mmCIF file of all heavy atoms, coordinates in Angstrom:
data_MODEL
# 
_entry.id   MODEL 
# 
loop_
_atom_site.group_PDB 
_atom_site.id 
_atom_site.type_symbol 
_atom_site.label_atom_id 
_atom_site.label_alt_id 
_atom_site.label_comp_id 
_atom_site.label_asym_id 
_atom_site.label_entity_id 
_atom_site.label_seq_id 
_atom_site.pdbx_PDB_ins_code 
_atom_site.Cartn_x 
_atom_site.Cartn_y 
_atom_site.Cartn_z 
_atom_site.occupancy 
_atom_site.B_iso_or_equiv 
_atom_site.pdbx_formal_charge 
_atom_site.auth_seq_id 
_atom_site.auth_comp_id 
_atom_site.auth_asym_id 
_atom_site.auth_atom_id 
_atom_site.pdbx_PDB_model_num 
ATOM 1   N N   . VAL A 1 1  ? -13.965 -5.309  -5.307  1.00 0.00 ? 1  VAL A N   1 
ATOM 2   C CA  . VAL A 1 1  ? -13.867 -5.951  -6.620  1.00 0.00 ? 1  VAL A CA  1 
ATOM 3   C C   . VAL A 1 1  ? -12.875 -7.108  -6.581  1.00 0.00 ? 1  VAL A C   1 
ATOM 4   O O   . VAL A 1 1  ? -13.141 -8.202  -7.111  1.00 0.00 ? 1  VAL A O   1 
ATOM 5   C CB  . VAL A 1 1  ? -13.456 -4.916  -7.687  1.00 0.00 ? 1  VAL A CB  1 
ATOM 6   C CG1 . VAL A 1 1  ? -13.089 -5.601  -8.995  1.00 0.00 ? 1  VAL A CG1 1 
ATOM 7   C CG2 . VAL A 1 1  ? -14.581 -3.927  -7.926  1.00 0.00 ? 1  VAL A CG2 1 
ATOM 8   N N   . VAL A 1 2  ? -11.717 -6.897  -5.953  1.00 0.00 ? 2  VAL A N   1 
ATOM 9   C CA  . VAL A 1 2  ? -10.706 -7.949  -5.888  1.00 0.00 ? 2  VAL A CA  1 
ATOM 10  C C   . VAL A 1 2  ? -11.186 -9.118  -5.023  1.00 0.00 ? 2  VAL A C   1 
ATOM 11  O O   . VAL A 1 2  ? -10.931 -10.290 -5.347  1.00 0.00 ? 2  VAL A O   1 
ATOM 12  C CB  . VAL A 1 2  ? -9.389  -7.373  -5.329  1.00 0.00 ? 2  VAL A CB  1 
ATOM 13  C CG1 . VAL A 1 2  ? -8.357  -8.485  -5.147  1.00 0.00 ? 2  VAL A CG1 1 
ATOM 14  C CG2 . VAL A 1 2  ? -8.822  -6.318  -6.274  1.00 0.00 ? 2  VAL A CG2 1 
ATOM 15  N N   . MET A 1 3  ? -11.900 -8.832  -3.951  1.00 0.00 ? 3  MET A N   1 
ATOM 16  C CA  . MET A 1 3  ? -12.345 -9.886  -3.044  1.00 0.00 ? 3  MET A CA  1 
ATOM 17  C C   . MET A 1 3  ? -13.478 -10.719 -3.639  1.00 0.00 ? 3  MET A C   1 
ATOM 18  O O   . MET A 1 3  ? -13.471 -11.957 -3.553  1.00 0.00 ? 3  MET A O   1 
ATOM 19  C CB  . MET A 1 3  ? -12.800 -9.277  -1.713  1.00 0.00 ? 3  MET A CB  1 
ATOM 20  C CG  . MET A 1 3  ? -11.679 -8.702  -0.871  1.00 0.00 ? 3  MET A CG  1 
ATOM 21  S SD  . MET A 1 3  ? -12.283 -8.012  0.684   1.00 0.00 ? 3  MET A SD  1 
ATOM 22  C CE  . MET A 1 3  ? -12.948 -9.476  1.457   1.00 0.00 ? 3  MET A CE  1 
ATOM 23  N N   . PHE A 1 4  ? -14.456 -10.052 -4.269  1.00 0.00 ? 4  PHE A N   1 
ATOM 24  C CA  . PHE A 1 4  ? -15.649 -10.760 -4.736  1.00 0.00 ? 4  PHE A CA  1 
ATOM 25  C C   . PHE A 1 4  ? -15.683 -10.954 -6.248  1.00 0.00 ? 4  PHE A C   1 
ATOM 26  O O   . PHE A 1 4  ? -16.596 -11.622 -6.752  1.00 0.00 ? 4  PHE A O   1 
ATOM 27  C CB  . PHE A 1 4  ? -16.900 -10.001 -4.289  1.00 0.00 ? 4  PHE A CB  1 
ATOM 28  C CG  . PHE A 1 4  ? -16.988 -9.816  -2.806  1.00 0.00 ? 4  PHE A CG  1 
ATOM 29  C CD1 . PHE A 1 4  ? -16.780 -8.569  -2.229  1.00 0.00 ? 4  PHE A CD1 1 
ATOM 30  C CD2 . PHE A 1 4  ? -17.250 -10.895 -1.974  1.00 0.00 ? 4  PHE A CD2 1 
ATOM 31  C CE1 . PHE A 1 4  ? -16.857 -8.397  -0.857  1.00 0.00 ? 4  PHE A CE1 1 
ATOM 32  C CE2 . PHE A 1 4  ? -17.322 -10.727 -0.599  1.00 0.00 ? 4  PHE A CE2 1 
ATOM 33  C CZ  . PHE A 1 4  ? -17.128 -9.484  -0.039  1.00 0.00 ? 4  PHE A CZ  1 
ATOM 34  N N   . GLY A 1 5  ? -14.699 -10.393 -6.968  1.00 0.00 ? 5  GLY A N   1 
ATOM 35  C CA  . GLY A 1 5  ? -14.663 -10.553 -8.417  1.00 0.00 ? 5  GLY A CA  1 
ATOM 36  C C   . GLY A 1 5  ? -14.573 -11.990 -8.880  1.00 0.00 ? 5  GLY A C   1 
ATOM 37  O O   . GLY A 1 5  ? -15.232 -12.367 -9.875  1.00 0.00 ? 5  GLY A O   1 
ATOM 38  N N   . PRO A 1 6  ? -13.789 -12.865 -8.223  1.00 0.00 ? 6  PRO A N   1 
ATOM 39  C CA  . PRO A 1 6  ? -13.729 -14.263 -8.671  1.00 0.00 ? 6  PRO A CA  1 
ATOM 40  C C   . PRO A 1 6  ? -15.074 -14.980 -8.664  1.00 0.00 ? 6  PRO A C   1 
ATOM 41  O O   . PRO A 1 6  ? -15.231 -15.992 -9.359  1.00 0.00 ? 6  PRO A O   1 
ATOM 42  C CB  . PRO A 1 6  ? -12.761 -14.903 -7.662  1.00 0.00 ? 6  PRO A CB  1 
ATOM 43  C CG  . PRO A 1 6  ? -11.882 -13.788 -7.244  1.00 0.00 ? 6  PRO A CG  1 
ATOM 44  C CD  . PRO A 1 6  ? -12.770 -12.582 -7.207  1.00 0.00 ? 6  PRO A CD  1 
ATOM 45  N N   . ALA A 1 7  ? -16.048 -14.470 -7.921  1.00 0.00 ? 7  ALA A N   1 
ATOM 46  C CA  . ALA A 1 7  ? -17.381 -15.094 -7.920  1.00 0.00 ? 7  ALA A CA  1 
ATOM 47  C C   . ALA A 1 7  ? -18.052 -14.975 -9.282  1.00 0.00 ? 7  ALA A C   1 
ATOM 48  O O   . ALA A 1 7  ? -18.971 -15.748 -9.600  1.00 0.00 ? 7  ALA A O   1 
ATOM 49  C CB  . ALA A 1 7  ? -18.256 -14.461 -6.843  1.00 0.00 ? 7  ALA A CB  1 
ATOM 50  N N   . LEU A 1 8  ? -17.601 -14.028 -10.113 1.00 0.00 ? 8  LEU A N   1 
ATOM 51  C CA  . LEU A 1 8  ? -18.171 -13.872 -11.451 1.00 0.00 ? 8  LEU A CA  1 
ATOM 52  C C   . LEU A 1 8  ? -17.861 -15.057 -12.347 1.00 0.00 ? 8  LEU A C   1 
ATOM 53  O O   . LEU A 1 8  ? -18.506 -15.232 -13.386 1.00 0.00 ? 8  LEU A O   1 
ATOM 54  C CB  . LEU A 1 8  ? -17.640 -12.589 -12.102 1.00 0.00 ? 8  LEU A CB  1 
ATOM 55  C CG  . LEU A 1 8  ? -18.023 -11.266 -11.430 1.00 0.00 ? 8  LEU A CG  1 
ATOM 56  C CD1 . LEU A 1 8  ? -17.312 -10.103 -12.114 1.00 0.00 ? 8  LEU A CD1 1 
ATOM 57  C CD2 . LEU A 1 8  ? -19.527 -11.055 -11.467 1.00 0.00 ? 8  LEU A CD2 1 
ATOM 58  N N   . SER A 1 9  ? -16.875 -15.883 -11.969 1.00 0.00 ? 9  SER A N   1 
ATOM 59  C CA  . SER A 1 9  ? -16.512 -17.042 -12.784 1.00 0.00 ? 9  SER A CA  1 
ATOM 60  C C   . SER A 1 9  ? -17.650 -18.048 -12.891 1.00 0.00 ? 9  SER A C   1 
ATOM 61  O O   . SER A 1 9  ? -17.659 -18.883 -13.800 1.00 0.00 ? 9  SER A O   1 
ATOM 62  C CB  . SER A 1 9  ? -15.273 -17.728 -12.193 1.00 0.00 ? 9  SER A CB  1 
ATOM 63  O OG  . SER A 1 9  ? -15.516 -18.168 -10.867 1.00 0.00 ? 9  SER A OG  1 
ATOM 64  N N   . PHE A 1 10 ? -18.636 -17.980 -11.974 1.00 0.00 ? 10 PHE A N   1 
ATOM 65  C CA  . PHE A 1 10 ? -19.776 -18.891 -12.035 1.00 0.00 ? 10 PHE A CA  1 
ATOM 66  C C   . PHE A 1 10 ? -20.781 -18.477 -13.102 1.00 0.00 ? 10 PHE A C   1 
ATOM 67  O O   . PHE A 1 10 ? -21.641 -19.281 -13.473 1.00 0.00 ? 10 PHE A O   1 
ATOM 68  C CB  . PHE A 1 10 ? -20.485 -18.954 -10.668 1.00 0.00 ? 10 PHE A CB  1 
ATOM 69  C CG  . PHE A 1 10 ? -19.639 -19.563 -9.583  1.00 0.00 ? 10 PHE A CG  1 
ATOM 70  C CD1 . PHE A 1 10 ? -19.057 -18.763 -8.612  1.00 0.00 ? 10 PHE A CD1 1 
ATOM 71  C CD2 . PHE A 1 10 ? -19.407 -20.930 -9.541  1.00 0.00 ? 10 PHE A CD2 1 
ATOM 72  C CE1 . PHE A 1 10 ? -18.287 -19.312 -7.602  1.00 0.00 ? 10 PHE A CE1 1 
ATOM 73  C CE2 . PHE A 1 10 ? -18.627 -21.483 -8.544  1.00 0.00 ? 10 PHE A CE2 1 
ATOM 74  C CZ  . PHE A 1 10 ? -18.062 -20.684 -7.571  1.00 0.00 ? 10 PHE A CZ  1 
ATOM 75  N N   . TRP A 1 11 ? -20.681 -17.228 -13.575 1.00 0.00 ? 11 TRP A N   1 
ATOM 76  C CA  . TRP A 1 11 ? -21.669 -16.734 -14.537 1.00 0.00 ? 11 TRP A CA  1 
ATOM 77  C C   . TRP A 1 11 ? -21.078 -16.460 -15.922 1.00 0.00 ? 11 TRP A C   1 
ATOM 78  O O   . TRP A 1 11 ? -21.823 -16.428 -16.900 1.00 0.00 ? 11 TRP A O   1 
ATOM 79  C CB  . TRP A 1 11 ? -22.321 -15.459 -14.004 1.00 0.00 ? 11 TRP A CB  1 
ATOM 80  C CG  . TRP A 1 11 ? -23.228 -15.706 -12.845 1.00 0.00 ? 11 TRP A CG  1 
ATOM 81  C CD1 . TRP A 1 11 ? -24.534 -16.131 -12.887 1.00 0.00 ? 11 TRP A CD1 1 
ATOM 82  C CD2 . TRP A 1 11 ? -22.911 -15.549 -11.460 1.00 0.00 ? 11 TRP A CD2 1 
ATOM 83  N NE1 . TRP A 1 11 ? -25.033 -16.246 -11.620 1.00 0.00 ? 11 TRP A NE1 1 
ATOM 84  C CE2 . TRP A 1 11 ? -24.066 -15.892 -10.712 1.00 0.00 ? 11 TRP A CE2 1 
ATOM 85  C CE3 . TRP A 1 11 ? -21.771 -15.153 -10.769 1.00 0.00 ? 11 TRP A CE3 1 
ATOM 86  C CZ2 . TRP A 1 11 ? -24.110 -15.858 -9.329  1.00 0.00 ? 11 TRP A CZ2 1 
ATOM 87  C CZ3 . TRP A 1 11 ? -21.814 -15.121 -9.378  1.00 0.00 ? 11 TRP A CZ3 1 
ATOM 88  C CH2 . TRP A 1 11 ? -22.964 -15.468 -8.674  1.00 0.00 ? 11 TRP A CH2 1 
ATOM 89  N N   . VAL A 1 12 ? -19.778 -16.245 -16.025 1.00 0.00 ? 12 VAL A N   1 
ATOM 90  C CA  . VAL A 1 12 ? -19.191 -15.936 -17.330 1.00 0.00 ? 12 VAL A CA  1 
ATOM 91  C C   . VAL A 1 12 ? -18.982 -17.222 -18.121 1.00 0.00 ? 12 VAL A C   1 
ATOM 92  O O   . VAL A 1 12 ? -18.878 -18.316 -17.545 1.00 0.00 ? 12 VAL A O   1 
ATOM 93  C CB  . VAL A 1 12 ? -17.861 -15.187 -17.174 1.00 0.00 ? 12 VAL A CB  1 
ATOM 94  C CG1 . VAL A 1 12 ? -18.068 -13.869 -16.474 1.00 0.00 ? 12 VAL A CG1 1 
ATOM 95  C CG2 . VAL A 1 12 ? -16.841 -16.051 -16.435 1.00 0.00 ? 12 VAL A CG2 1 
ATOM 96  N N   . SER A 1 13 ? -18.916 -17.082 -19.422 1.00 0.00 ? 13 SER A N   1 
ATOM 97  C CA  . SER A 1 13 ? -18.694 -18.230 -20.305 1.00 0.00 ? 13 SER A CA  1 
ATOM 98  C C   . SER A 1 13 ? -17.201 -18.381 -20.587 1.00 0.00 ? 13 SER A C   1 
ATOM 99  O O   . SER A 1 13 ? -16.521 -17.414 -20.941 1.00 0.00 ? 13 SER A O   1 
ATOM 100 C CB  . SER A 1 13 ? -19.454 -18.035 -21.619 1.00 0.00 ? 13 SER A CB  1 
ATOM 101 O OG  . SER A 1 13 ? -19.116 -19.044 -22.539 1.00 0.00 ? 13 SER A OG  1 
ATOM 102 N N   . GLN A 1 14 ? -16.718 -19.616 -20.437 1.00 0.00 ? 14 GLN A N   1 
ATOM 103 C CA  . GLN A 1 14 ? -15.314 -19.887 -20.719 1.00 0.00 ? 14 GLN A CA  1 
ATOM 104 C C   . GLN A 1 14 ? -15.021 -19.943 -22.216 1.00 0.00 ? 14 GLN A C   1 
ATOM 105 O O   . GLN A 1 14 ? -13.877 -20.120 -22.617 1.00 0.00 ? 14 GLN A O   1 
ATOM 106 C CB  . GLN A 1 14 ? -14.897 -21.202 -20.062 1.00 0.00 ? 14 GLN A CB  1 
ATOM 107 C CG  . GLN A 1 14 ? -14.916 -21.155 -18.539 1.00 0.00 ? 14 GLN A CG  1 
ATOM 108 C CD  . GLN A 1 14 ? -14.010 -20.067 -17.988 1.00 0.00 ? 14 GLN A CD  1 
ATOM 109 O OE1 . GLN A 1 14 ? -12.902 -19.841 -18.486 1.00 0.00 ? 14 GLN A OE1 1 
ATOM 110 N NE2 . GLN A 1 14 ? -14.491 -19.362 -16.956 1.00 0.00 ? 14 GLN A NE2 1 
ATOM 111 N N   . HIS A 1 15 ? -16.060 -19.812 -23.031 1.00 0.00 ? 15 HIS A N   1 
ATOM 112 C CA  . HIS A 1 15 ? -15.887 -19.763 -24.483 1.00 0.00 ? 15 HIS A CA  1 
ATOM 113 C C   . HIS A 1 15 ? -15.815 -18.330 -24.998 1.00 0.00 ? 15 HIS A C   1 
ATOM 114 O O   . HIS A 1 15 ? -15.753 -18.105 -26.208 1.00 0.00 ? 15 HIS A O   1 
ATOM 115 C CB  . HIS A 1 15 ? -17.042 -20.504 -25.175 1.00 0.00 ? 15 HIS A CB  1 
ATOM 116 C CG  . HIS A 1 15 ? -17.155 -21.953 -24.775 1.00 0.00 ? 15 HIS A CG  1 
ATOM 117 N ND1 . HIS A 1 15 ? -16.250 -22.904 -25.196 1.00 0.00 ? 15 HIS A ND1 1 
ATOM 118 C CD2 . HIS A 1 15 ? -18.046 -22.585 -23.966 1.00 0.00 ? 15 HIS A CD2 1 
ATOM 119 C CE1 . HIS A 1 15 ? -16.587 -24.083 -24.688 1.00 0.00 ? 15 HIS A CE1 1 
ATOM 120 N NE2 . HIS A 1 15 ? -17.671 -23.916 -23.938 1.00 0.00 ? 15 HIS A NE2 1 
ATOM 121 N N   . SER A 1 16 ? -15.851 -17.369 -24.087 1.00 0.00 ? 16 SER A N   1 
ATOM 122 C CA  . SER A 1 16 ? -15.767 -15.967 -24.472 1.00 0.00 ? 16 SER A CA  1 
ATOM 123 C C   . SER A 1 16 ? -14.365 -15.638 -24.988 1.00 0.00 ? 16 SER A C   1 
ATOM 124 O O   . SER A 1 16 ? -13.381 -16.317 -24.661 1.00 0.00 ? 16 SER A O   1 
ATOM 125 C CB  . SER A 1 16 ? -16.106 -15.073 -23.278 1.00 0.00 ? 16 SER A CB  1 
ATOM 126 O OG  . SER A 1 16 ? -15.837 -13.723 -23.554 1.00 0.00 ? 16 SER A OG  1 
ATOM 127 N N   . VAL A 1 17 ? -14.277 -14.577 -25.778 1.00 0.00 ? 17 VAL A N   1 
ATOM 128 C CA  . VAL A 1 17 ? -12.979 -14.162 -26.315 1.00 0.00 ? 17 VAL A CA  1 
ATOM 129 C C   . VAL A 1 17 ? -12.060 -13.674 -25.200 1.00 0.00 ? 17 VAL A C   1 
ATOM 130 O O   . VAL A 1 17 ? -10.831 -13.722 -25.323 1.00 0.00 ? 17 VAL A O   1 
ATOM 131 C CB  . VAL A 1 17 ? -13.157 -13.048 -27.366 1.00 0.00 ? 17 VAL A CB  1 
ATOM 132 C CG1 . VAL A 1 17 ? -13.864 -13.584 -28.594 1.00 0.00 ? 17 VAL A CG1 1 
ATOM 133 C CG2 . VAL A 1 17 ? -13.918 -11.862 -26.788 1.00 0.00 ? 17 VAL A CG2 1 
ATOM 134 N N   . PHE A 1 18 ? -12.642 -13.220 -24.093 1.00 0.00 ? 18 PHE A N   1 
ATOM 135 C CA  . PHE A 1 18 ? -11.827 -12.728 -22.983 1.00 0.00 ? 18 PHE A CA  1 
ATOM 136 C C   . PHE A 1 18 ? -11.295 -13.862 -22.111 1.00 0.00 ? 18 PHE A C   1 
ATOM 137 O O   . PHE A 1 18 ? -10.547 -13.610 -21.173 1.00 0.00 ? 18 PHE A O   1 
ATOM 138 C CB  . PHE A 1 18 ? -12.637 -11.754 -22.124 1.00 0.00 ? 18 PHE A CB  1 
ATOM 139 C CG  . PHE A 1 18 ? -13.087 -10.526 -22.853 1.00 0.00 ? 18 PHE A CG  1 
ATOM 140 C CD1 . PHE A 1 18 ? -14.417 -10.361 -23.205 1.00 0.00 ? 18 PHE A CD1 1 
ATOM 141 C CD2 . PHE A 1 18 ? -12.169 -9.542  -23.198 1.00 0.00 ? 18 PHE A CD2 1 
ATOM 142 C CE1 . PHE A 1 18 ? -14.829 -9.227  -23.888 1.00 0.00 ? 18 PHE A CE1 1 
ATOM 143 C CE2 . PHE A 1 18 ? -12.576 -8.409  -23.886 1.00 0.00 ? 18 PHE A CE2 1 
ATOM 144 C CZ  . PHE A 1 18 ? -13.905 -8.248  -24.234 1.00 0.00 ? 18 PHE A CZ  1 
ATOM 145 N N   . ALA A 1 19 ? -11.696 -15.095 -22.401 1.00 0.00 ? 19 ALA A N   1 
ATOM 146 C CA  . ALA A 1 19 ? -11.197 -16.253 -21.661 1.00 0.00 ? 19 ALA A CA  1 
ATOM 147 C C   . ALA A 1 19 ? -9.878  -16.768 -22.230 1.00 0.00 ? 19 ALA A C   1 
ATOM 148 O O   . ALA A 1 19 ? -9.350  -17.755 -21.731 1.00 0.00 ? 19 ALA A O   1 
ATOM 149 C CB  . ALA A 1 19 ? -12.236 -17.362 -21.659 1.00 0.00 ? 19 ALA A CB  1 
ATOM 150 N N   . ARG A 1 20 ? -9.366  -16.092 -23.250 1.00 0.00 ? 20 ARG A N   1 
ATOM 151 C CA  . ARG A 1 20 ? -8.087  -16.484 -23.857 1.00 0.00 ? 20 ARG A CA  1 
ATOM 152 C C   . ARG A 1 20 ? -7.019  -15.453 -23.498 1.00 0.00 ? 20 ARG A C   1 
ATOM 153 O O   . ARG A 1 20 ? -7.207  -14.255 -23.704 1.00 0.00 ? 20 ARG A O   1 
ATOM 154 C CB  . ARG A 1 20 ? -8.214  -16.591 -25.378 1.00 0.00 ? 20 ARG A CB  1 
ATOM 155 C CG  . ARG A 1 20 ? -9.211  -17.640 -25.842 1.00 0.00 ? 20 ARG A CG  1 
ATOM 156 C CD  . ARG A 1 20 ? -9.005  -17.950 -27.313 1.00 0.00 ? 20 ARG A CD  1 
ATOM 157 N NE  . ARG A 1 20 ? -9.144  -16.752 -28.130 1.00 0.00 ? 20 ARG A NE  1 
ATOM 158 C CZ  . ARG A 1 20 ? -10.273 -16.368 -28.717 1.00 0.00 ? 20 ARG A CZ  1 
ATOM 159 N NH1 . ARG A 1 20 ? -11.374 -17.086 -28.571 1.00 0.00 ? 20 ARG A NH1 1 
ATOM 160 N NH2 . ARG A 1 20 ? -10.325 -15.282 -29.453 1.00 0.00 ? 20 ARG A NH2 1 
ATOM 161 N N   . ARG A 1 21 ? -5.923  -15.937 -22.980 1.00 0.00 ? 21 ARG A N   1 
ATOM 162 C CA  . ARG A 1 21 ? -4.822  -15.049 -22.593 1.00 0.00 ? 21 ARG A CA  1 
ATOM 163 C C   . ARG A 1 21 ? -4.190  -14.361 -23.793 1.00 0.00 ? 21 ARG A C   1 
ATOM 164 O O   . ARG A 1 21 ? -3.472  -13.371 -23.643 1.00 0.00 ? 21 ARG A O   1 
ATOM 165 C CB  . ARG A 1 21 ? -3.752  -15.852 -21.858 1.00 0.00 ? 21 ARG A CB  1 
ATOM 166 C CG  . ARG A 1 21 ? -4.049  -16.052 -20.379 1.00 0.00 ? 21 ARG A CG  1 
ATOM 167 C CD  . ARG A 1 21 ? -3.724  -14.795 -19.600 1.00 0.00 ? 21 ARG A CD  1 
ATOM 168 N NE  . ARG A 1 21 ? -3.791  -14.989 -18.161 1.00 0.00 ? 21 ARG A NE  1 
ATOM 169 C CZ  . ARG A 1 21 ? -3.446  -14.071 -17.277 1.00 0.00 ? 21 ARG A CZ  1 
ATOM 170 N NH1 . ARG A 1 21 ? -3.015  -12.891 -17.685 1.00 0.00 ? 21 ARG A NH1 1 
ATOM 171 N NH2 . ARG A 1 21 ? -3.546  -14.307 -15.988 1.00 0.00 ? 21 ARG A NH2 1 
ATOM 172 N N   . SER A 1 22 ? -4.425  -14.894 -24.970 1.00 0.00 ? 22 SER A N   1 
ATOM 173 C CA  . SER A 1 22 ? -3.851  -14.309 -26.182 1.00 0.00 ? 22 SER A CA  1 
ATOM 174 C C   . SER A 1 22 ? -4.707  -13.190 -26.762 1.00 0.00 ? 22 SER A C   1 
ATOM 175 O O   . SER A 1 22 ? -4.426  -12.714 -27.862 1.00 0.00 ? 22 SER A O   1 
ATOM 176 C CB  . SER A 1 22 ? -3.662  -15.401 -27.244 1.00 0.00 ? 22 SER A CB  1 
ATOM 177 O OG  . SER A 1 22 ? -4.916  -16.021 -27.552 1.00 0.00 ? 22 SER A OG  1 
ATOM 178 N N   . HIS A 1 23 ? -5.748  -12.778 -26.033 1.00 0.00 ? 23 HIS A N   1 
ATOM 179 C CA  . HIS A 1 23 ? -6.616  -11.714 -26.534 1.00 0.00 ? 23 HIS A CA  1 
ATOM 180 C C   . HIS A 1 23 ? -5.826  -10.425 -26.727 1.00 0.00 ? 23 HIS A C   1 
ATOM 181 O O   . HIS A 1 23 ? -4.860  -10.139 -26.014 1.00 0.00 ? 23 HIS A O   1 
ATOM 182 C CB  . HIS A 1 23 ? -7.779  -11.477 -25.570 1.00 0.00 ? 23 HIS A CB  1 
ATOM 183 C CG  . HIS A 1 23 ? -8.842  -10.593 -26.125 1.00 0.00 ? 23 HIS A CG  1 
ATOM 184 N ND1 . HIS A 1 23 ? -8.814  -9.222  -25.987 1.00 0.00 ? 23 HIS A ND1 1 
ATOM 185 C CD2 . HIS A 1 23 ? -9.961  -10.868 -26.833 1.00 0.00 ? 23 HIS A CD2 1 
ATOM 186 C CE1 . HIS A 1 23 ? -9.874  -8.695  -26.567 1.00 0.00 ? 23 HIS A CE1 1 
ATOM 187 N NE2 . HIS A 1 23 ? -10.596 -9.669  -27.088 1.00 0.00 ? 23 HIS A NE2 1 
ATOM 188 N N   . PHE A 1 24 ? -6.281  -9.615  -27.694 1.00 0.00 ? 24 PHE A N   1 
ATOM 189 C CA  . PHE A 1 24 ? -5.588  -8.381  -28.051 1.00 0.00 ? 24 PHE A CA  1 
ATOM 190 C C   . PHE A 1 24 ? -5.414  -7.448  -26.867 1.00 0.00 ? 24 PHE A C   1 
ATOM 191 O O   . PHE A 1 24 ? -4.342  -6.863  -26.669 1.00 0.00 ? 24 PHE A O   1 
ATOM 192 C CB  . PHE A 1 24 ? -6.357  -7.678  -29.171 1.00 0.00 ? 24 PHE A CB  1 
ATOM 193 C CG  . PHE A 1 24 ? -5.890  -6.279  -29.451 1.00 0.00 ? 24 PHE A CG  1 
ATOM 194 C CD1 . PHE A 1 24 ? -4.729  -6.063  -30.181 1.00 0.00 ? 24 PHE A CD1 1 
ATOM 195 C CD2 . PHE A 1 24 ? -6.593  -5.182  -28.978 1.00 0.00 ? 24 PHE A CD2 1 
ATOM 196 C CE1 . PHE A 1 24 ? -4.284  -4.770  -30.430 1.00 0.00 ? 24 PHE A CE1 1 
ATOM 197 C CE2 . PHE A 1 24 ? -6.159  -3.898  -29.227 1.00 0.00 ? 24 PHE A CE2 1 
ATOM 198 C CZ  . PHE A 1 24 ? -5.005  -3.693  -29.958 1.00 0.00 ? 24 PHE A CZ  1 
ATOM 199 N N   . LEU A 1 25 ? -6.444  -7.297  -26.044 1.00 0.00 ? 25 LEU A N   1 
ATOM 200 C CA  . LEU A 1 25 ? -6.357  -6.363  -24.913 1.00 0.00 ? 25 LEU A CA  1 
ATOM 201 C C   . LEU A 1 25 ? -5.305  -6.796  -23.907 1.00 0.00 ? 25 LEU A C   1 
ATOM 202 O O   . LEU A 1 25 ? -4.585  -5.960  -23.356 1.00 0.00 ? 25 LEU A O   1 
ATOM 203 C CB  . LEU A 1 25 ? -7.718  -6.256  -24.227 1.00 0.00 ? 25 LEU A CB  1 
ATOM 204 C CG  . LEU A 1 25 ? -8.811  -5.498  -24.985 1.00 0.00 ? 25 LEU A CG  1 
ATOM 205 C CD1 . LEU A 1 25 ? -10.104 -5.506  -24.192 1.00 0.00 ? 25 LEU A CD1 1 
ATOM 206 C CD2 . LEU A 1 25 ? -8.389  -4.069  -25.281 1.00 0.00 ? 25 LEU A CD2 1 
ATOM 207 N N   . TYR A 1 26 ? -5.199  -8.098  -23.662 1.00 0.00 ? 26 TYR A N   1 
ATOM 208 C CA  . TYR A 1 26 ? -4.189  -8.585  -22.728 1.00 0.00 ? 26 TYR A CA  1 
ATOM 209 C C   . TYR A 1 26 ? -2.784  -8.355  -23.273 1.00 0.00 ? 26 TYR A C   1 
ATOM 210 O O   . TYR A 1 26 ? -1.883  -7.927  -22.548 1.00 0.00 ? 26 TYR A O   1 
ATOM 211 C CB  . TYR A 1 26 ? -4.398  -10.076 -22.443 1.00 0.00 ? 26 TYR A CB  1 
ATOM 212 C CG  . TYR A 1 26 ? -5.730  -10.409 -21.833 1.00 0.00 ? 26 TYR A CG  1 
ATOM 213 C CD1 . TYR A 1 26 ? -6.460  -11.513 -22.249 1.00 0.00 ? 26 TYR A CD1 1 
ATOM 214 C CD2 . TYR A 1 26 ? -6.283  -9.614  -20.831 1.00 0.00 ? 26 TYR A CD2 1 
ATOM 215 C CE1 . TYR A 1 26 ? -7.689  -11.828 -21.696 1.00 0.00 ? 26 TYR A CE1 1 
ATOM 216 C CE2 . TYR A 1 26 ? -7.502  -9.914  -20.270 1.00 0.00 ? 26 TYR A CE2 1 
ATOM 217 C CZ  . TYR A 1 26 ? -8.212  -11.025 -20.705 1.00 0.00 ? 26 TYR A CZ  1 
ATOM 218 O OH  . TYR A 1 26 ? -9.423  -11.327 -20.151 1.00 0.00 ? 26 TYR A OH  1 
ATOM 219 N N   . ARG A 1 27 ? -2.609  -8.648  -24.552 1.00 0.00 ? 27 ARG A N   1 
ATOM 220 C CA  . ARG A 1 27 ? -1.269  -8.523  -25.140 1.00 0.00 ? 27 ARG A CA  1 
ATOM 221 C C   . ARG A 1 27 ? -0.867  -7.065  -25.327 1.00 0.00 ? 27 ARG A C   1 
ATOM 222 O O   . ARG A 1 27 ? 0.286   -6.688  -25.124 1.00 0.00 ? 27 ARG A O   1 
ATOM 223 C CB  . ARG A 1 27 ? -1.215  -9.246  -26.491 1.00 0.00 ? 27 ARG A CB  1 
ATOM 224 C CG  . ARG A 1 27 ? -1.313  -10.758 -26.394 1.00 0.00 ? 27 ARG A CG  1 
ATOM 225 C CD  . ARG A 1 27 ? -1.142  -11.435 -27.750 1.00 0.00 ? 27 ARG A CD  1 
ATOM 226 N NE  . ARG A 1 27 ? -2.284  -11.212 -28.623 1.00 0.00 ? 27 ARG A NE  1 
ATOM 227 C CZ  . ARG A 1 27 ? -2.305  -10.364 -29.640 1.00 0.00 ? 27 ARG A CZ  1 
ATOM 228 N NH1 . ARG A 1 27 ? -1.225  -9.644  -29.927 1.00 0.00 ? 27 ARG A NH1 1 
ATOM 229 N NH2 . ARG A 1 27 ? -3.385  -10.226 -30.391 1.00 0.00 ? 27 ARG A NH2 1 
ATOM 230 N N   . MET A 1 28 ? -1.827  -6.217  -25.691 1.00 0.00 ? 28 MET A N   1 
ATOM 231 C CA  . MET A 1 28 ? -1.516  -4.837  -26.036 1.00 0.00 ? 28 MET A CA  1 
ATOM 232 C C   . MET A 1 28 ? -1.395  -3.940  -24.817 1.00 0.00 ? 28 MET A C   1 
ATOM 233 O O   . MET A 1 28 ? -0.529  -3.060  -24.762 1.00 0.00 ? 28 MET A O   1 
ATOM 234 C CB  . MET A 1 28 ? -2.602  -4.285  -26.974 1.00 0.00 ? 28 MET A CB  1 
ATOM 235 C CG  . MET A 1 28 ? -2.338  -2.891  -27.489 1.00 0.00 ? 28 MET A CG  1 
ATOM 236 S SD  . MET A 1 28 ? -0.919  -2.871  -28.615 1.00 0.00 ? 28 MET A SD  1 
ATOM 237 C CE  . MET A 1 28 ? -0.849  -1.114  -29.012 1.00 0.00 ? 28 MET A CE  1 
# 
């Protein structure tokens, strides 16, 4: 997962709520 996980950046949307460091899950 750690080695190949960054490859997911080609498919995820940068407009997703998880693309913000201020998201609740990250802060909490």
